[in-house]
Amino acid sequence: MKNHFQKLPANIKNITLTINISIAFALFTQGCSFIETTSDIEQASKPQPYVQQNHLPQHTQQAIKPNIVVILADDLGYGDLGVYNRDSKIPTPNMDAIAKQGIRFTDAHTPSAVCTPTRYGLLTGRYAWRSRLKRGVLFGESPALIEQGRMTIQSMLQDKGYITAGIGKWHLGLGSGLGNNGKTDYSQALNPGPVSSGFDYYFGIPASLDMPPYLYFENEKVVQAPTAQVSRGKLARYGGKGFWREGAIAPDFSHLEVLPTLANKAEAYIAERGKQPQQPFFLYMPLPSPHTPWIPKAEFVGKSNAGVYGDFVYQSDDVIGRIMKALKDNGLADNTLVIVTSDNGSHWKTTDIEEFNHLANAHWRGMKADIYEGGHRVPFIASWPKNIPAGSVSDENLSLVDLLATFAAIVDSDLPDNAGEDSYNQLATLMGDKTQHNVREATVYHAVGGMFAIQQGPWKYIKGQTSGGFGSKAQRRKLLKENPNLPAGQLYNLATDPGETTNLFLEKPEKVALLKALLKRYQEQGYSRPRSVDDKSINKEVVDEKSINDESINKKSVNQQLTNKEAN
């Protein structure tokens, strides 16, 4: 094995031979400082040299590999957790406990401000805008997004001897769509899908809990066919009992019972794994909550001071607590890394803030779908007994696409250049090493409508004039009416202006030019992670990314999402 570790902290070198990784996930990214010169702008357009990444020290490699559990909440805000927001109106005792037992990141980001592209990026280590999905999200009948043959976290860990499982909201498309007008045929095997991407077992729902068809599927088969119909629901914030789109539903499917059902499945899976403690496993648990419909069970109603949304967050926290308890009860807690994070910011409007005096996205500007911080800066907490110092806090910039490279480092797997193209190894930072800074050269963000932003160090350039989120077209018309000379883009210094209130686009043209050049390079070369080969051999993909071309479906989905005020 190559000596890939360099100057790792002492606590990494003292790792015991029984490690368990239970990841409730998220990861991290950050950029480097830069100087305002023409040569720097030219340098930004050139690939950076390959930098060797840290692996665990050789003497810590063990016959019994660590377990990995990733928990991904849906639309959970940075300010929902008490450990991030002392004024939160929602009790989150279990998530707070994980943070206090391990580490909390203050500058963790999702690669996108909405569901599907974040999930793609998390599992593949690649920005989703490099795939066929250029904006928006998939829907319940969209074909599979992850390309056949592409390395994922689950397939990489499979190759390292792990048993892999997923329990929860998939939202990455199912089937090929061939012979069915580009739509998923639920009467046939759901392949490609979770199993073909590397999961030995998967149980869950196809997409968001407000997107038909409403059903459970297990591995590649539907548990019960969606032979019934359900009418459209109404948002709780407008006096309804919960929003979901009308459509097909399995006769025994109950929206209210989905979260408890998934929790029960996860507990049972962990109990089974406890019978074979020598066999490492990876559990990916993407929760469908607290995304709409906001439908907490009766025992959680009224337990927060943020309405039914807050109650649903509280129920989600309870599910996370059940997972932690299952790990402990089955003798797996001491050998488990747990990571908990969210797929984007909370869909928490100004009217919600005013009604409940609760800042779901803390003081960050914007919300879910936006290019501003509130759209993609998310909670990220991790616990790893005897390896992550209790009570640790990191302000390192990190992205969820970094999970693949980080897990690869843990199991000593070298990523090829055609995998994890945007994934950086953040293992040392995860384990509390405060000596490493700016692990990433830069980080790219993406709004629901396709707007880009790139951050390097404290500087964030937005390639657009608005939030890029829901209603951004109307927002732009209003801004241009107020100021016909509105700058073509936005530039913020997050170190001095974390609220993104002062646009420096016109005052700092050199920085704008530098970041524009860097973003363009990332977009054109097909990767952002430094690689070990000459840049001219740009990744040509070993997979057939055009084997499923549903561009028309994607455009229809995007238009539906952007024009539907109650969508997502």
Protein backbone atom coordinates (compact mmCIF):
# COMPACT_ATOMS: atom_id res chain seq x y z
CA MET A 1 0.00 0.00 0.00
CA LYS A 2 1.33 3.41 -0.90
CA ASN A 3 2.16 5.83 1.87
CA HIS A 4 -0.63 8.35 1.19
CA PHE A 5 -0.83 9.95 4.62
CA GLN A 6 1.06 13.13 5.33
CA LYS A 7 1.26 14.82 8.71
CA LEU A 8 -1.98 13.43 10.04
CA PRO A 9 -2.95 14.47 13.59
CA ALA A 10 -2.03 12.34 16.57
CA ASN A 11 -5.60 11.20 17.19
CA ILE A 12 -5.69 9.63 13.74
CA LYS A 13 -2.50 7.70 14.46
CA ASN A 14 -4.01 6.34 17.65
CA ILE A 15 -7.11 4.90 16.03
CA THR A 16 -8.10 1.61 17.67
CA LEU A 17 -8.48 -1.58 15.67
CA THR A 18 -12.23 -1.51 16.07
CA ILE A 19 -13.64 1.46 14.26
CA ASN A 20 -17.23 1.81 13.13
CA ILE A 21 -18.40 4.41 10.77
CA SER A 22 -22.05 5.44 10.87
CA ILE A 23 -22.48 8.44 8.70
CA ALA A 24 -25.53 10.67 8.79
CA PHE A 25 -23.88 12.58 6.21
CA ALA A 26 -22.60 15.74 4.68
CA LEU A 27 -19.24 17.05 3.76
CA PHE A 28 -17.11 19.89 3.22
CA THR A 29 -15.34 22.21 0.81
CA GLN A 30 -13.30 25.38 0.69
CA GLY A 31 -11.17 27.55 -1.47
CA CYS A 32 -7.76 29.13 -1.27
CA SER A 33 -6.82 32.77 -1.04
CA PHE A 34 -5.80 34.58 -4.18
CA ILE A 35 -4.19 37.77 -5.42
CA GLU A 36 -5.69 40.24 -7.84
CA THR A 37 -3.34 40.13 -10.83
CA THR A 38 -3.68 39.32 -14.51
CA SER A 39 -1.32 36.36 -14.03
CA ASP A 40 -3.64 34.98 -11.36
CA ILE A 41 -6.59 35.18 -13.74
CA GLU A 42 -4.55 33.25 -16.29
CA GLN A 43 -3.57 30.76 -13.59
CA ALA A 44 -7.23 30.24 -12.67
CA SER A 45 -7.90 29.05 -16.19
CA LYS A 46 -5.18 26.39 -15.90
CA PRO A 47 -5.45 23.04 -14.10
CA GLN A 48 -3.70 22.82 -10.76
CA PRO A 49 -1.04 20.18 -10.11
CA TYR A 50 -1.97 16.90 -8.51
CA VAL A 51 -1.76 16.91 -4.72
CA GLN A 52 -1.41 13.64 -2.84
CA GLN A 53 -4.29 13.13 -0.39
CA ASN A 54 -4.25 11.70 3.12
CA HIS A 55 -5.20 8.13 3.89
CA LEU A 56 -5.34 6.50 7.30
CA PRO A 57 -1.87 5.61 8.60
CA GLN A 58 -0.81 2.13 7.52
CA HIS A 59 -0.64 0.69 11.00
CA THR A 60 -4.31 1.50 11.57
CA GLN A 61 -5.47 -0.59 8.62
CA GLN A 62 -7.47 -3.44 10.09
CA ALA A 63 -9.06 -6.76 9.28
CA ILE A 64 -12.36 -5.41 10.59
CA LYS A 65 -13.18 -2.30 8.59
CA PRO A 66 -15.36 0.45 10.03
CA ASN A 67 -19.12 0.56 9.39
CA ILE A 68 -20.50 3.66 7.67
CA VAL A 69 -24.00 5.09 8.20
CA VAL A 70 -25.07 8.28 6.37
CA ILE A 71 -28.26 10.07 7.39
CA LEU A 72 -29.46 12.75 4.98
CA ALA A 73 -32.37 14.88 6.13
CA ASP A 74 -34.59 16.54 3.53
CA ASP A 75 -34.96 20.35 3.69
CA LEU A 76 -33.52 20.57 7.22
CA GLY A 77 -32.27 24.09 7.91
CA TYR A 78 -28.99 25.23 9.45
CA GLY A 79 -30.88 27.11 12.16
CA ASP A 80 -33.26 24.28 13.07
CA LEU A 81 -30.74 22.54 15.31
CA GLY A 82 -30.22 23.86 18.80
CA VAL A 83 -26.49 23.27 18.54
CA TYR A 84 -26.39 25.76 15.64
CA ASN A 85 -29.04 28.16 16.85
CA ARG A 86 -29.54 28.74 20.56
CA ASP A 87 -32.79 30.53 19.76
CA SER A 88 -34.23 27.65 17.71
CA LYS A 89 -37.89 27.02 18.42
CA ILE A 90 -37.45 23.29 17.78
CA PRO A 91 -36.05 20.71 20.22
CA THR A 92 -33.37 18.56 18.53
CA PRO A 93 -31.80 16.65 21.46
CA ASN A 94 -30.48 13.71 19.43
CA MET A 95 -28.75 15.75 16.75
CA ASP A 96 -27.37 18.09 19.39
CA ALA A 97 -25.96 15.08 21.26
CA ILE A 98 -24.19 13.79 18.13
CA ALA A 99 -22.54 17.19 17.65
CA LYS A 100 -21.45 17.36 21.28
CA GLN A 101 -20.02 13.84 21.13
CA GLY A 102 -18.14 14.61 17.92
CA ILE A 103 -17.75 17.49 15.51
CA ARG A 104 -19.91 20.24 14.07
CA PHE A 105 -19.09 22.02 10.82
CA THR A 106 -20.14 25.63 10.43
CA ASP A 107 -19.34 25.98 6.71
CA ALA A 108 -20.70 22.78 5.15
CA HIS A 109 -22.52 23.02 1.82
CA THR A 110 -24.62 21.00 -0.56
CA PRO A 111 -23.55 21.06 -4.22
CA SER A 112 -27.07 22.15 -5.16
CA ALA A 113 -29.87 24.02 -3.44
CA VAL A 114 -32.41 21.27 -4.24
CA CYS A 115 -32.90 17.52 -3.76
CA THR A 116 -31.92 15.39 -6.75
CA PRO A 117 -28.64 17.06 -7.77
CA THR A 118 -27.39 17.04 -4.18
CA ARG A 119 -28.08 13.29 -3.88
CA TYR A 120 -26.30 12.63 -7.16
CA GLY A 121 -23.31 14.67 -6.04
CA LEU A 122 -23.16 13.05 -2.62
CA LEU A 123 -23.16 9.47 -3.95
CA THR A 124 -20.94 10.03 -7.01
CA GLY A 125 -18.56 12.78 -5.89
CA ARG A 126 -19.46 14.66 -9.08
CA TYR A 127 -21.48 17.83 -9.57
CA ALA A 128 -24.88 16.91 -11.01
CA TRP A 129 -24.77 19.68 -13.61
CA ARG A 130 -22.17 17.54 -15.37
CA SER A 131 -24.90 14.92 -15.89
CA ARG A 132 -28.01 15.28 -18.06
CA LEU A 133 -29.73 17.19 -15.23
CA LYS A 134 -28.82 20.83 -15.80
CA ARG A 135 -31.45 22.38 -13.52
CA GLY A 136 -34.42 21.44 -11.36
CA VAL A 137 -35.08 17.97 -9.97
CA LEU A 138 -36.38 14.61 -11.14
CA PHE A 139 -39.94 13.47 -10.53
CA GLY A 140 -41.48 10.14 -9.61
CA GLU A 141 -41.50 8.76 -13.15
CA SER A 142 -38.07 9.99 -14.25
CA PRO A 143 -35.56 7.36 -15.42
CA ALA A 144 -32.31 6.72 -13.56
CA LEU A 145 -29.84 9.61 -13.39
CA ILE A 146 -26.69 7.85 -12.17
CA GLU A 147 -24.89 6.61 -15.28
CA GLN A 148 -24.29 2.89 -15.64
CA GLY A 149 -20.72 2.00 -14.68
CA ARG A 150 -20.10 5.17 -12.68
CA MET A 151 -18.36 4.68 -9.35
CA THR A 152 -20.46 5.60 -6.32
CA ILE A 153 -19.84 5.48 -2.59
CA GLN A 154 -21.79 2.24 -2.42
CA SER A 155 -20.01 0.54 -5.33
CA MET A 156 -16.58 1.63 -4.05
CA LEU A 157 -17.32 0.23 -0.61
CA GLN A 158 -18.76 -2.93 -2.15
CA ASP A 159 -15.42 -3.48 -3.85
CA LYS A 160 -13.78 -3.14 -0.43
CA GLY A 161 -15.91 -5.90 1.06
CA TYR A 162 -18.76 -3.87 2.53
CA ILE A 163 -22.41 -4.88 2.68
CA THR A 164 -24.29 -1.83 1.40
CA ALA A 165 -27.87 -0.78 2.06
CA GLY A 166 -30.10 2.22 1.49
CA ILE A 167 -33.35 2.94 3.31
CA GLY A 168 -35.37 6.04 2.46
CA LYS A 169 -36.12 8.56 -0.25
CA TRP A 170 -34.27 7.71 -3.49
CA HIS A 171 -35.13 10.60 -5.85
CA LEU A 172 -32.48 9.68 -8.42
CA GLY A 173 -34.74 8.09 -11.01
CA LEU A 174 -35.66 4.46 -11.62
CA GLY A 175 -35.49 2.28 -14.70
CA SER A 176 -34.42 3.19 -18.22
CA GLY A 177 -37.62 4.78 -19.49
CA LEU A 178 -37.16 2.85 -22.73
CA GLY A 179 -40.38 1.63 -24.30
CA ASN A 180 -42.48 3.68 -21.91
CA ASN A 181 -42.27 7.19 -23.39
CA GLY A 182 -39.22 8.00 -21.31
CA LYS A 183 -40.97 7.28 -18.03
CA THR A 184 -40.38 4.69 -15.32
CA ASP A 185 -42.37 1.50 -15.85
CA TYR A 186 -43.22 0.32 -12.33
CA SER A 187 -44.54 -2.98 -13.62
CA GLN A 188 -41.02 -3.94 -14.67
CA ALA A 189 -37.73 -4.40 -12.81
CA LEU A 190 -36.47 -1.05 -11.54
CA ASN A 191 -33.13 -1.31 -13.25
CA PRO A 192 -31.06 0.80 -13.47
CA GLY A 193 -31.60 2.01 -9.93
CA PRO A 194 -30.15 1.65 -6.42
CA VAL A 195 -29.09 -1.99 -6.87
CA SER A 196 -27.26 -1.38 -10.14
CA SER A 197 -25.50 1.62 -8.53
CA GLY A 198 -23.97 -0.54 -5.80
CA PHE A 199 -26.53 -1.20 -3.09
CA ASP A 200 -26.93 -4.82 -1.98
CA TYR A 201 -30.30 -3.86 -0.51
CA TYR A 202 -32.62 -0.91 -0.87
CA PHE A 203 -36.05 -0.13 0.57
CA GLY A 204 -37.75 3.19 0.11
CA ILE A 205 -39.92 5.56 -1.89
CA PRO A 206 -39.17 6.73 -5.45
CA ALA A 207 -38.99 10.50 -4.90
CA SER A 208 -40.20 13.20 -2.50
CA LEU A 209 -43.17 12.43 -0.28
CA ASP A 210 -45.22 14.94 -2.28
CA MET A 211 -44.48 13.35 -5.69
CA PRO A 212 -46.46 10.46 -7.22
CA PRO A 213 -46.46 7.55 -7.56
CA TYR A 214 -46.81 6.95 -3.83
CA LEU A 215 -45.45 3.48 -3.13
CA TYR A 216 -42.63 1.50 -1.56
CA PHE A 217 -40.12 -0.44 -3.60
CA GLU A 218 -37.66 -3.04 -2.39
CA ASN A 219 -34.53 -3.63 -4.43
CA GLU A 220 -35.88 -3.71 -8.00
CA LYS A 221 -39.54 -4.48 -7.33
CA VAL A 222 -42.59 -2.52 -6.23
CA VAL A 223 -43.97 -3.76 -2.91
CA GLN A 224 -47.57 -2.91 -3.88
CA ALA A 225 -48.66 -1.51 -7.24
CA PRO A 226 -50.07 2.05 -7.30
CA THR A 227 -53.54 1.10 -8.48
CA ALA A 228 -55.45 3.82 -6.60
CA GLN A 229 -55.53 7.61 -6.94
CA VAL A 230 -55.08 10.39 -4.40
CA SER A 231 -56.22 13.99 -4.81
CA ARG A 232 -53.98 17.01 -4.31
CA GLY A 233 -53.25 18.09 -0.75
CA LYS A 234 -52.95 21.61 0.64
CA LEU A 235 -49.92 23.13 2.32
CA ALA A 236 -50.07 23.26 6.10
CA ARG A 237 -48.85 26.88 6.08
CA TYR A 238 -52.07 27.74 4.25
CA GLY A 239 -54.36 25.81 6.56
CA GLY A 240 -54.17 22.42 4.86
CA LYS A 241 -53.29 19.02 6.29
CA GLY A 242 -50.22 18.59 4.10
CA PHE A 243 -49.28 19.15 0.47
CA TRP A 244 -48.80 16.39 -2.07
CA ARG A 245 -49.47 16.27 -5.78
CA GLU A 246 -52.38 14.25 -7.07
CA GLY A 247 -51.55 10.94 -8.68
CA ALA A 248 -51.21 7.19 -8.39
CA ILE A 249 -50.91 5.61 -4.96
CA ALA A 250 -50.63 2.07 -3.61
CA PRO A 251 -53.85 1.15 -1.74
CA ASP A 252 -52.06 0.58 1.58
CA PHE A 253 -49.73 3.56 1.30
CA SER A 254 -50.07 6.18 4.04
CA HIS A 255 -48.03 9.38 3.89
CA LEU A 256 -48.23 9.65 7.67
CA GLU A 257 -46.64 6.23 8.18
CA VAL A 258 -43.68 6.59 5.82
CA LEU A 259 -41.19 8.04 8.30
CA PRO A 260 -42.03 5.46 11.02
CA THR A 261 -41.85 2.65 8.45
CA LEU A 262 -38.39 3.71 7.33
CA ALA A 263 -37.21 4.00 10.94
CA ASN A 264 -38.46 0.47 11.67
CA LYS A 265 -36.66 -0.87 8.60
CA ALA A 266 -33.41 0.80 9.61
CA GLU A 267 -33.61 -0.55 13.15
CA ALA A 268 -34.21 -4.07 11.82
CA TYR A 269 -31.31 -3.77 9.39
CA ILE A 270 -28.92 -2.61 12.13
CA ALA A 271 -30.07 -5.49 14.34
CA GLU A 272 -29.19 -7.94 11.55
CA ARG A 273 -25.80 -6.37 11.08
CA GLY A 274 -25.19 -6.66 14.81
CA LYS A 275 -25.30 -10.44 14.39
CA GLN A 276 -22.26 -10.24 12.12
CA PRO A 277 -20.06 -7.56 13.69
CA GLN A 278 -17.03 -8.72 11.70
CA GLN A 279 -18.74 -7.76 8.42
CA PRO A 280 -18.47 -4.01 7.68
CA PHE A 281 -21.56 -2.30 6.34
CA PHE A 282 -22.58 1.00 4.78
CA LEU A 283 -26.07 2.32 5.52
CA TYR A 284 -27.36 5.30 3.56
CA MET A 285 -30.55 6.68 5.07
CA PRO A 286 -32.04 9.62 3.15
CA LEU A 287 -35.02 10.76 5.21
CA PRO A 288 -38.11 12.15 3.43
CA SER A 289 -38.46 14.75 6.18
CA PRO A 290 -38.92 17.55 7.05
CA HIS A 291 -39.76 18.12 3.36
CA THR A 292 -43.44 18.62 2.55
CA PRO A 293 -45.94 17.30 3.38
CA TRP A 294 -45.40 18.43 6.97
CA ILE A 295 -47.24 15.60 8.68
CA PRO A 296 -45.93 14.81 12.16
CA LYS A 297 -47.45 11.88 14.03
CA ALA A 298 -49.83 12.72 16.88
CA GLU A 299 -47.20 12.17 19.59
CA PHE A 300 -45.03 14.91 18.07
CA VAL A 301 -47.72 17.50 17.39
CA GLY A 302 -47.31 20.64 19.49
CA LYS A 303 -43.84 19.68 20.76
CA SER A 304 -42.12 22.60 19.02
CA ASN A 305 -42.82 26.32 18.80
CA ALA A 306 -42.47 26.38 15.01
CA GLY A 307 -45.80 24.88 13.94
CA VAL A 308 -46.19 21.55 12.18
CA TYR A 309 -42.89 22.10 10.38
CA GLY A 310 -41.10 22.29 13.69
CA ASP A 311 -42.99 19.25 14.94
CA PHE A 312 -41.91 17.31 11.84
CA VAL A 313 -38.29 18.31 12.44
CA TYR A 314 -38.69 17.07 16.01
CA GLN A 315 -40.01 13.74 14.73
CA SER A 316 -37.05 13.53 12.33
CA ASP A 317 -34.71 14.07 15.25
CA ASP A 318 -36.47 11.25 17.07
CA VAL A 319 -35.81 8.91 14.13
CA ILE A 320 -32.11 9.82 14.26
CA GLY A 321 -32.16 9.06 17.97
CA ARG A 322 -33.65 5.64 17.24
CA ILE A 323 -30.82 4.88 14.80
CA MET A 324 -28.22 5.86 17.39
CA LYS A 325 -29.91 3.71 20.01
CA ALA A 326 -30.06 0.75 17.62
CA LEU A 327 -26.33 1.01 17.02
CA LYS A 328 -25.67 1.06 20.75
CA ASP A 329 -28.11 -1.76 21.59
CA ASN A 330 -26.51 -3.99 18.96
CA GLY A 331 -22.94 -3.35 20.07
CA LEU A 332 -22.02 -1.27 17.03
CA ALA A 333 -21.85 2.26 18.42
CA ASP A 334 -18.18 2.19 19.40
CA ASN A 335 -17.21 1.07 15.92
CA THR A 336 -19.37 3.54 14.03
CA LEU A 337 -18.91 6.93 12.43
CA VAL A 338 -22.22 8.79 12.24
CA ILE A 339 -22.75 11.76 9.94
CA VAL A 340 -25.99 13.76 9.81
CA THR A 341 -26.64 16.52 7.31
CA SER A 342 -29.27 17.93 4.92
CA ASP A 343 -29.74 17.98 1.14
CA ASN A 344 -30.31 21.76 1.03
CA GLY A 345 -31.62 24.63 3.13
CA SER A 346 -35.10 24.81 4.59
CA HIS A 347 -38.06 25.99 2.50
CA TRP A 348 -38.87 28.58 5.14
CA LYS A 349 -40.40 31.79 3.88
CA THR A 350 -40.36 35.30 5.33
CA THR A 351 -43.98 34.83 6.39
CA ASP A 352 -42.98 31.71 8.34
CA ILE A 353 -40.21 33.62 10.10
CA GLU A 354 -42.64 36.37 11.04
CA GLU A 355 -45.29 33.95 12.29
CA PHE A 356 -43.07 31.76 14.46
CA ASN A 357 -40.02 33.96 15.10
CA HIS A 358 -37.90 31.01 14.04
CA LEU A 359 -34.91 31.27 11.70
CA ALA A 360 -34.80 27.84 10.06
CA ASN A 361 -31.81 28.91 7.95
CA ALA A 362 -30.30 30.95 10.79
CA HIS A 363 -29.17 34.39 9.63
CA TRP A 364 -28.06 33.25 6.18
CA ARG A 365 -29.67 34.97 3.23
CA GLY A 366 -32.23 33.02 1.21
CA MET A 367 -33.74 29.55 1.51
CA LYS A 368 -34.01 26.26 -0.33
CA ALA A 369 -33.50 26.58 -4.13
CA ASP A 370 -31.49 29.83 -3.79
CA ILE A 371 -27.87 30.46 -4.74
CA TYR A 372 -27.49 32.45 -1.53
CA GLU A 373 -26.08 30.77 1.58
CA GLY A 374 -29.48 29.85 2.98
CA GLY A 375 -30.04 27.60 -0.03
CA HIS A 376 -27.00 25.37 0.40
CA ARG A 377 -25.22 26.00 3.73
CA VAL A 378 -26.45 23.14 5.90
CA PRO A 379 -25.89 21.50 9.27
CA PHE A 380 -23.19 18.84 9.26
CA ILE A 381 -22.44 16.86 12.38
CA ALA A 382 -20.42 13.69 12.88
CA SER A 383 -19.64 11.34 15.74
CA TRP A 384 -16.86 8.76 15.72
CA PRO A 385 -15.98 7.48 19.23
CA LYS A 386 -12.26 7.59 20.14
CA ASN A 387 -11.44 9.23 16.81
CA ILE A 388 -13.25 12.56 16.63
CA PRO A 389 -12.62 14.66 19.74
CA ALA A 390 -15.85 15.46 21.55
CA GLY A 391 -17.13 19.00 21.20
CA SER A 392 -15.06 19.77 18.09
CA VAL A 393 -16.06 22.61 15.79
CA SER A 394 -14.66 23.24 12.30
CA ASP A 395 -15.09 26.28 10.09
CA GLU A 396 -13.48 24.54 7.10
CA ASN A 397 -15.50 24.89 3.90
CA LEU A 398 -16.74 21.48 2.78
CA SER A 399 -19.15 20.00 0.28
CA LEU A 400 -21.20 16.83 0.27
CA VAL A 401 -19.44 15.74 -2.93
CA ASP A 402 -16.37 15.18 -0.73
CA LEU A 403 -17.85 12.12 0.95
CA LEU A 404 -16.67 9.73 -1.77
CA ALA A 405 -13.00 10.74 -1.59
CA THR A 406 -13.11 10.86 2.21
CA PHE A 407 -14.57 7.37 2.52
CA ALA A 408 -12.12 6.13 -0.08
CA ALA A 409 -9.31 7.38 2.13
CA ILE A 410 -10.78 5.56 5.13
CA VAL A 411 -10.83 2.21 3.32
CA ASP A 412 -7.59 2.90 1.42
CA SER A 413 -9.10 3.06 -2.05
CA ASP A 414 -7.49 5.27 -4.68
CA LEU A 415 -10.00 7.07 -6.88
CA PRO A 416 -9.41 6.83 -10.64
CA ASP A 417 -9.57 10.04 -12.63
CA ASN A 418 -12.94 9.11 -14.13
CA ALA A 419 -14.62 8.92 -10.70
CA GLY A 420 -15.33 11.49 -8.00
CA GLU A 421 -14.29 14.27 -10.35
CA ASP A 422 -15.21 16.96 -7.82
CA SER A 423 -14.55 15.08 -4.57
CA TYR A 424 -11.80 16.10 -2.13
CA ASN A 425 -10.52 13.99 0.75
CA GLN A 426 -11.54 15.73 3.98
CA LEU A 427 -10.62 12.91 6.38
CA ALA A 428 -8.11 14.87 8.42
CA THR A 429 -10.55 17.74 8.89
CA LEU A 430 -13.32 15.33 9.84
CA MET A 431 -11.10 13.90 12.56
CA GLY A 432 -10.51 17.27 14.13
CA ASP A 433 -7.24 18.34 12.50
CA LYS A 434 -7.23 22.13 12.64
CA THR A 435 -3.90 22.52 10.85
CA GLN A 436 -5.31 21.88 7.38
CA HIS A 437 -7.08 24.79 5.73
CA ASN A 438 -8.49 25.43 2.28
CA VAL A 439 -8.45 21.76 1.36
CA ARG A 440 -10.40 22.66 -1.75
CA GLU A 441 -9.15 24.99 -4.44
CA ALA A 442 -12.71 26.30 -4.75
CA THR A 443 -16.32 25.14 -4.43
CA VAL A 444 -19.18 25.40 -6.93
CA TYR A 445 -22.82 25.93 -5.94
CA HIS A 446 -25.93 25.58 -8.10
CA ALA A 447 -29.47 26.97 -7.76
CA VAL A 448 -32.69 25.28 -8.85
CA GLY A 449 -32.93 27.29 -12.07
CA GLY A 450 -29.36 26.48 -13.12
CA MET A 451 -27.58 29.58 -11.79
CA PHE A 452 -23.94 29.03 -10.76
CA ALA A 453 -21.81 30.40 -7.97
CA ILE A 454 -18.20 29.68 -7.05
CA GLN A 455 -16.43 30.34 -3.78
CA GLN A 456 -12.69 30.60 -3.21
CA GLY A 457 -11.62 31.58 0.25
CA PRO A 458 -14.08 34.23 1.48
CA TRP A 459 -14.97 35.40 -2.02
CA LYS A 460 -18.18 34.19 -3.64
CA TYR A 461 -19.04 35.04 -7.23
CA ILE A 462 -22.63 34.52 -8.45
CA LYS A 463 -23.16 34.28 -12.19
CA GLY A 464 -26.52 36.03 -12.13
CA GLN A 465 -28.47 38.96 -10.77
CA THR A 466 -31.00 37.23 -8.51
CA SER A 467 -31.37 34.37 -6.04
CA GLY A 468 -31.74 31.87 -8.87
CA GLY A 469 -34.47 30.23 -6.81
CA PHE A 470 -38.25 29.99 -6.91
CA GLY A 471 -39.75 33.07 -8.54
CA SER A 472 -36.36 34.39 -9.68
CA LYS A 473 -37.68 35.55 -13.07
CA ALA A 474 -40.20 37.88 -11.44
CA GLN A 475 -37.50 38.92 -9.00
CA ARG A 476 -35.20 39.94 -11.85
CA ARG A 477 -37.92 41.99 -13.56
CA LYS A 478 -38.51 43.86 -10.32
CA LEU A 479 -34.80 44.50 -9.75
CA LEU A 480 -34.27 45.77 -13.29
CA LYS A 481 -37.27 48.07 -12.97
CA GLU A 482 -35.77 49.53 -9.81
CA ASN A 483 -32.25 49.70 -11.26
CA PRO A 484 -31.85 49.47 -15.07
CA ASN A 485 -28.06 49.41 -14.55
CA LEU A 486 -28.14 46.37 -12.29
CA PRO A 487 -24.70 44.65 -12.25
CA ALA A 488 -24.49 41.56 -14.43
CA GLY A 489 -23.42 39.42 -11.48
CA GLN A 490 -22.78 39.42 -7.76
CA LEU A 491 -19.65 39.26 -5.62
CA TYR A 492 -19.61 38.96 -1.85
CA ASN A 493 -16.89 38.74 0.78
CA LEU A 494 -18.36 36.22 3.21
CA ALA A 495 -15.71 36.99 5.83
CA THR A 496 -16.88 40.56 6.26
CA ASP A 497 -20.38 40.23 4.82
CA PRO A 498 -21.79 36.79 5.72
CA GLY A 499 -25.33 38.02 5.04
CA GLU A 500 -24.49 38.79 1.39
CA THR A 501 -25.82 42.32 1.66
CA THR A 502 -23.15 44.31 -0.22
CA ASN A 503 -22.54 43.42 -3.86
CA LEU A 504 -18.89 44.19 -4.77
CA PHE A 505 -19.18 43.10 -8.38
CA LEU A 506 -18.39 46.56 -9.80
CA GLU A 507 -15.83 47.45 -7.13
CA LYS A 508 -13.71 44.29 -7.51
CA PRO A 509 -13.47 43.50 -11.25
CA GLU A 510 -10.18 41.58 -10.80
CA LYS A 511 -11.74 39.15 -8.35
CA VAL A 512 -14.77 38.74 -10.58
CA ALA A 513 -12.52 37.95 -13.54
CA LEU A 514 -10.50 35.46 -11.52
CA LEU A 515 -13.52 33.54 -10.27
CA LYS A 516 -15.24 33.60 -13.66
CA ALA A 517 -12.13 32.07 -15.23
CA LEU A 518 -11.92 29.40 -12.55
CA LEU A 519 -15.61 28.50 -12.91
CA LYS A 520 -15.24 28.30 -16.68
CA ARG A 521 -12.26 25.97 -16.35
CA TYR A 522 -14.15 23.67 -14.00
CA GLN A 523 -17.10 23.58 -16.35
CA GLU A 524 -15.09 22.91 -19.50
CA GLN A 525 -12.48 20.43 -18.30
CA GLY A 526 -14.99 18.06 -16.68
CA TYR A 527 -13.52 17.99 -13.18
CA SER A 528 -12.35 20.20 -10.32
CA ARG A 529 -10.39 17.70 -8.22
CA PRO A 530 -6.67 17.75 -9.07
CA ARG A 531 -5.66 14.62 -10.94
CA SER A 532 -2.49 12.67 -11.49
CA VAL A 533 -2.46 12.76 -15.31
CA ASP A 534 -1.80 15.44 -17.88
CA ASP A 535 -4.76 17.80 -18.21
CA LYS A 536 -5.00 17.18 -21.96
CA SER A 537 -6.43 13.75 -21.26
CA ILE A 538 -9.74 15.20 -20.15
CA ASN A 539 -12.11 12.63 -18.73
CA LYS A 540 -13.98 11.09 -21.67
CA GLU A 541 -16.26 8.99 -19.46
CA VAL A 542 -16.17 5.22 -19.39
CA VAL A 543 -19.93 5.27 -19.14
CA ASP A 544 -22.48 6.09 -21.77
CA GLU A 545 -24.01 9.24 -20.37
CA LYS A 546 -26.38 9.61 -23.32
CA SER A 547 -27.83 6.12 -23.08
CA ILE A 548 -30.84 7.75 -21.48
CA ASN A 549 -31.69 11.06 -23.04
CA ASP A 550 -34.76 12.53 -21.48
CA GLU A 551 -33.95 16.17 -22.08
CA SER A 552 -37.57 16.88 -22.93
CA ILE A 553 -38.71 15.22 -19.71
CA ASN A 554 -36.18 17.25 -17.75
CA LYS A 555 -37.35 20.52 -19.28
CA LYS A 556 -40.95 19.66 -18.51
CA SER A 557 -40.03 18.82 -14.93
CA VAL A 558 -38.14 22.07 -14.49
CA ASN A 559 -40.97 24.18 -15.87
CA GLN A 560 -43.42 22.40 -13.60
CA GLN A 561 -41.27 23.05 -10.57
CA LEU A 562 -40.48 26.67 -11.27
CA THR A 563 -44.05 27.65 -12.05
CA ASN A 564 -45.76 25.72 -9.28
CA LYS A 565 -45.72 27.91 -6.19
CA GLU A 566 -46.44 24.92 -3.98
CA ALA A 567 -43.80 22.65 -5.52
CA ASN A 568 -41.10 21.30 -3.22
